[in-house]
Amino acid sequence: METQAQRTDLGPAARRVAGLLARVEDRQLGLPTPCPDYAVRELLAHVGGLALAFRDAARKAFGPTTDTDPGSARPVLDEEWRTVFPRRLEELAEAWRDPAAWEGMTRAGGVDLPGGVAGLVAFNELLVHGWDLARATGQPYAPGEDELRVSYGFLEPGASERVAGQDPFGPPVAVPDDAPLLDRVIALSGRRPDWPGRSVDGEAAPAG
């Protein structure tokens, strides 16, 4: 039986990330992000690439976009990213509104996996990398509680067994049991919820 999480609407998360993209300034592209190997420009390129890959995974349109390991090369930001990426995000959300996307097997990053799992991976990538981008550029970020519960439910199983460098997410970071749900989700993804983001002026933003 399908669960509610298996049929999550990616639309709100995709629109939220598109809104963050629209407010990124050119002078912020070199700022660090919570992803240690990525500055803002690489994080943006990664988000644009995953939107394309998981759109095609939903459509089961296999080819270079679904068969390439995202870690095989450093992501390079498309010169037209400001116009191209919002459209990709919209197409991503629309593709996963098709019930057929959640059925059978598909492929992403060169890995075959059930459609229901791929949809949750895509959703979680949007939610967590949205936080990364918001933190790095000093923007507010407030996903809905229902979205956060889906992401928490996806990340929590097996989190304590993750090994650094051997999993897309790092080992979870300890936070208080009564920490905000967003902080708990981010901690499960291997990030510090108090990572010092940047303000629009490039100064360290207060943690929170």
Protein backbone atom coordinates (compact mmCIF):
# COMPACT_ATOMS: atom_id res chain seq x y z
CA MET A 1 0.00 0.00 0.00
CA GLU A 2 1.28 3.49 -0.82
CA THR A 3 1.83 5.83 2.08
CA GLN A 4 1.19 9.54 2.10
CA ALA A 5 4.94 10.12 1.97
CA GLN A 6 5.21 8.05 -1.20
CA ARG A 7 2.95 10.49 -3.01
CA THR A 8 4.38 13.76 -1.70
CA ASP A 9 3.74 16.86 -3.79
CA LEU A 10 7.10 18.36 -4.72
CA GLY A 11 5.46 21.63 -5.79
CA PRO A 12 5.82 23.65 -2.56
CA ALA A 13 9.47 22.66 -2.11
CA ALA A 14 10.26 23.38 -5.77
CA ARG A 15 8.59 26.80 -5.63
CA ARG A 16 10.43 27.61 -2.41
CA VAL A 17 13.79 26.78 -3.97
CA ALA A 18 12.90 28.81 -7.08
CA GLY A 19 12.16 31.76 -4.82
CA LEU A 20 15.56 31.40 -3.17
CA LEU A 21 17.26 31.27 -6.58
CA ALA A 22 15.58 34.51 -7.61
CA ARG A 23 17.12 36.34 -4.65
CA VAL A 24 20.69 35.11 -5.06
CA GLU A 25 22.97 37.97 -6.09
CA ASP A 26 25.92 37.51 -8.42
CA ARG A 27 28.31 38.66 -5.70
CA GLN A 28 27.14 35.78 -3.49
CA LEU A 29 28.12 33.03 -5.92
CA GLY A 30 31.51 32.47 -4.28
CA LEU A 31 30.20 32.26 -0.70
CA PRO A 32 30.66 28.99 1.21
CA THR A 33 27.70 26.71 1.87
CA PRO A 34 26.94 23.95 4.39
CA CYS A 35 28.06 21.53 1.65
CA PRO A 36 31.83 21.62 2.32
CA ASP A 37 32.91 21.09 -1.29
CA TYR A 38 30.46 23.58 -2.80
CA ALA A 39 30.37 27.34 -2.98
CA VAL A 40 26.99 28.85 -3.83
CA ARG A 41 27.65 28.54 -7.57
CA GLU A 42 28.32 24.78 -7.32
CA LEU A 43 25.31 24.29 -5.06
CA LEU A 44 23.12 26.06 -7.61
CA ALA A 45 24.56 23.91 -10.39
CA HIS A 46 23.89 20.78 -8.34
CA VAL A 47 20.28 21.80 -7.73
CA GLY A 48 19.78 22.50 -11.43
CA GLY A 49 21.25 19.13 -12.30
CA LEU A 50 19.18 17.17 -9.82
CA ALA A 51 16.00 18.91 -11.01
CA LEU A 52 16.74 17.69 -14.53
CA ALA A 53 17.76 14.20 -13.46
CA PHE A 54 14.78 13.56 -11.21
CA ARG A 55 12.37 15.07 -13.72
CA ASP A 56 13.54 12.48 -16.22
CA ALA A 57 13.53 9.76 -13.55
CA ALA A 58 9.84 10.53 -12.93
CA ARG A 59 9.16 10.29 -16.66
CA LYS A 60 11.35 7.19 -16.91
CA ALA A 61 13.14 8.91 -19.77
CA PHE A 62 16.48 7.21 -19.25
CA GLY A 63 19.67 8.62 -20.71
CA PRO A 64 22.62 10.81 -19.70
CA THR A 65 20.56 12.83 -17.21
CA THR A 66 19.54 9.73 -15.25
CA ASP A 67 22.62 7.56 -15.81
CA THR A 68 25.38 9.91 -14.68
CA ASP A 69 26.75 9.80 -11.14
CA PRO A 70 26.43 13.40 -9.82
CA GLY A 71 29.70 12.96 -7.94
CA SER A 72 31.66 12.07 -11.07
CA ALA A 73 32.41 15.70 -11.93
CA ARG A 74 32.27 19.06 -10.19
CA PRO A 75 28.98 20.81 -11.09
CA VAL A 76 29.36 23.82 -13.37
CA LEU A 77 26.80 26.61 -13.27
CA ASP A 78 24.90 27.19 -16.51
CA GLU A 79 25.17 30.80 -17.70
CA GLU A 80 21.39 30.86 -18.18
CA TRP A 81 20.63 29.40 -14.76
CA ARG A 82 18.38 32.27 -13.69
CA THR A 83 15.88 31.47 -16.45
CA VAL A 84 16.55 27.75 -16.96
CA PHE A 85 16.52 26.46 -13.38
CA PRO A 86 13.11 27.79 -12.27
CA ARG A 87 11.57 26.11 -15.32
CA ARG A 88 13.35 22.86 -14.50
CA LEU A 89 12.03 22.98 -10.94
CA GLU A 90 8.50 23.50 -12.21
CA GLU A 91 8.87 20.59 -14.62
CA LEU A 92 10.28 18.43 -11.82
CA ALA A 93 7.26 19.03 -9.60
CA GLU A 94 4.85 18.45 -12.46
CA ALA A 95 6.51 15.18 -13.46
CA TRP A 96 6.08 13.77 -9.95
CA ARG A 97 2.37 14.65 -9.92
CA ASP A 98 1.85 11.77 -12.33
CA PRO A 99 0.93 8.68 -10.25
CA ALA A 100 2.88 6.53 -12.71
CA ALA A 101 6.10 8.25 -11.62
CA TRP A 102 5.78 6.61 -8.19
CA GLU A 103 5.21 3.13 -9.60
CA GLY A 104 7.66 0.51 -10.84
CA MET A 105 11.39 1.08 -11.11
CA THR A 106 13.32 4.08 -12.35
CA ARG A 107 16.90 5.36 -12.40
CA ALA A 108 18.74 8.36 -10.99
CA GLY A 109 22.45 9.00 -10.63
CA GLY A 110 23.11 5.74 -12.46
CA VAL A 111 21.30 3.78 -9.75
CA ASP A 112 18.12 1.75 -10.32
CA LEU A 113 15.57 2.26 -7.54
CA PRO A 114 11.81 2.11 -6.96
CA GLY A 115 9.88 5.10 -8.21
CA GLY A 116 8.49 5.76 -4.73
CA VAL A 117 11.99 5.95 -3.30
CA ALA A 118 13.22 8.21 -6.11
CA GLY A 119 10.35 10.62 -5.51
CA LEU A 120 11.24 10.89 -1.84
CA VAL A 121 14.92 11.36 -2.68
CA ALA A 122 14.01 14.21 -5.03
CA PHE A 123 11.76 15.79 -2.41
CA ASN A 124 14.41 15.54 0.28
CA GLU A 125 17.10 16.94 -1.99
CA LEU A 126 14.94 20.00 -2.59
CA LEU A 127 14.17 20.50 1.09
CA VAL A 128 17.71 20.04 2.40
CA HIS A 129 19.51 21.88 -0.39
CA GLY A 130 16.95 24.66 -0.06
CA TRP A 131 18.13 25.04 3.52
CA ASP A 132 21.76 24.97 2.34
CA LEU A 133 21.11 27.78 -0.12
CA ALA A 134 19.08 29.85 2.33
CA ARG A 135 21.78 29.55 4.96
CA ALA A 136 24.57 30.40 2.55
CA THR A 137 22.83 33.52 1.23
CA GLY A 138 21.17 34.76 4.42
CA GLN A 139 17.57 34.10 3.37
CA PRO A 140 14.66 32.95 5.56
CA TYR A 141 13.60 29.33 5.20
CA ALA A 142 10.42 27.83 6.60
CA PRO A 143 9.13 24.58 5.08
CA GLY A 144 5.75 23.38 6.26
CA GLU A 145 5.52 20.91 9.12
CA ASP A 146 4.03 18.23 6.87
CA GLU A 147 7.00 18.55 4.52
CA LEU A 148 9.45 18.34 7.40
CA ARG A 149 7.78 15.20 8.74
CA VAL A 150 8.12 13.53 5.35
CA SER A 151 11.80 14.44 5.21
CA TYR A 152 12.38 13.31 8.80
CA GLY A 153 10.70 9.99 8.08
CA PHE A 154 12.91 9.53 5.03
CA LEU A 155 16.20 10.40 6.77
CA GLU A 156 15.74 8.82 10.18
CA PRO A 157 15.87 5.07 9.34
CA GLY A 158 19.48 3.91 9.41
CA ALA A 159 20.85 7.37 10.19
CA SER A 160 22.99 6.10 13.08
CA GLU A 161 24.71 3.61 10.76
CA ARG A 162 25.95 6.12 8.18
CA VAL A 163 29.67 6.36 7.58
CA ALA A 164 31.26 9.63 6.49
CA GLY A 165 32.27 9.54 2.83
CA GLN A 166 30.24 6.41 2.11
CA ASP A 167 26.74 7.90 2.03
CA PRO A 168 25.14 10.88 0.29
CA PHE A 169 24.42 12.21 3.78
CA GLY A 170 26.92 12.33 6.60
CA PRO A 171 26.43 10.84 10.05
CA PRO A 172 23.69 12.66 11.97
CA VAL A 173 24.58 15.59 14.21
CA ALA A 174 23.33 15.48 17.80
CA VAL A 175 20.63 18.01 18.67
CA PRO A 176 18.27 18.22 21.67
CA ASP A 177 15.14 16.08 21.49
CA ASP A 178 13.03 19.24 21.75
CA ALA A 179 14.90 21.06 18.96
CA PRO A 180 12.70 22.52 16.20
CA LEU A 181 11.69 19.94 13.62
CA LEU A 182 13.66 21.74 10.90
CA ASP A 183 16.82 21.54 13.02
CA ARG A 184 16.24 17.83 13.60
CA VAL A 185 15.80 17.20 9.89
CA ILE A 186 18.95 19.14 9.04
CA ALA A 187 20.88 17.33 11.77
CA LEU A 188 19.76 13.98 10.34
CA SER A 189 21.20 15.05 6.99
CA GLY A 190 24.63 15.39 8.64
CA ARG A 191 24.61 19.18 8.83
CA ARG A 192 24.94 21.47 11.83
CA PRO A 193 21.68 23.42 12.22
CA ASP A 194 23.74 26.32 13.62
CA TRP A 195 25.94 26.51 10.52
CA PRO A 196 26.92 30.19 10.19
CA GLY A 197 25.11 31.37 7.11
CA ARG A 198 25.82 34.66 5.35
CA SER A 199 23.80 37.82 5.16
CA VAL A 200 23.19 39.55 1.83
CA ASP A 201 26.17 41.75 2.66
CA GLY A 202 28.46 38.76 3.06
CA GLU A 203 28.68 39.06 6.85
CA ALA A 204 28.12 36.10 9.12
CA ALA A 205 24.42 35.70 9.84
CA PRO A 206 23.22 34.70 13.30
CA ALA A 207 22.62 31.00 13.77
CA GLY A 208 19.09 29.79 14.30
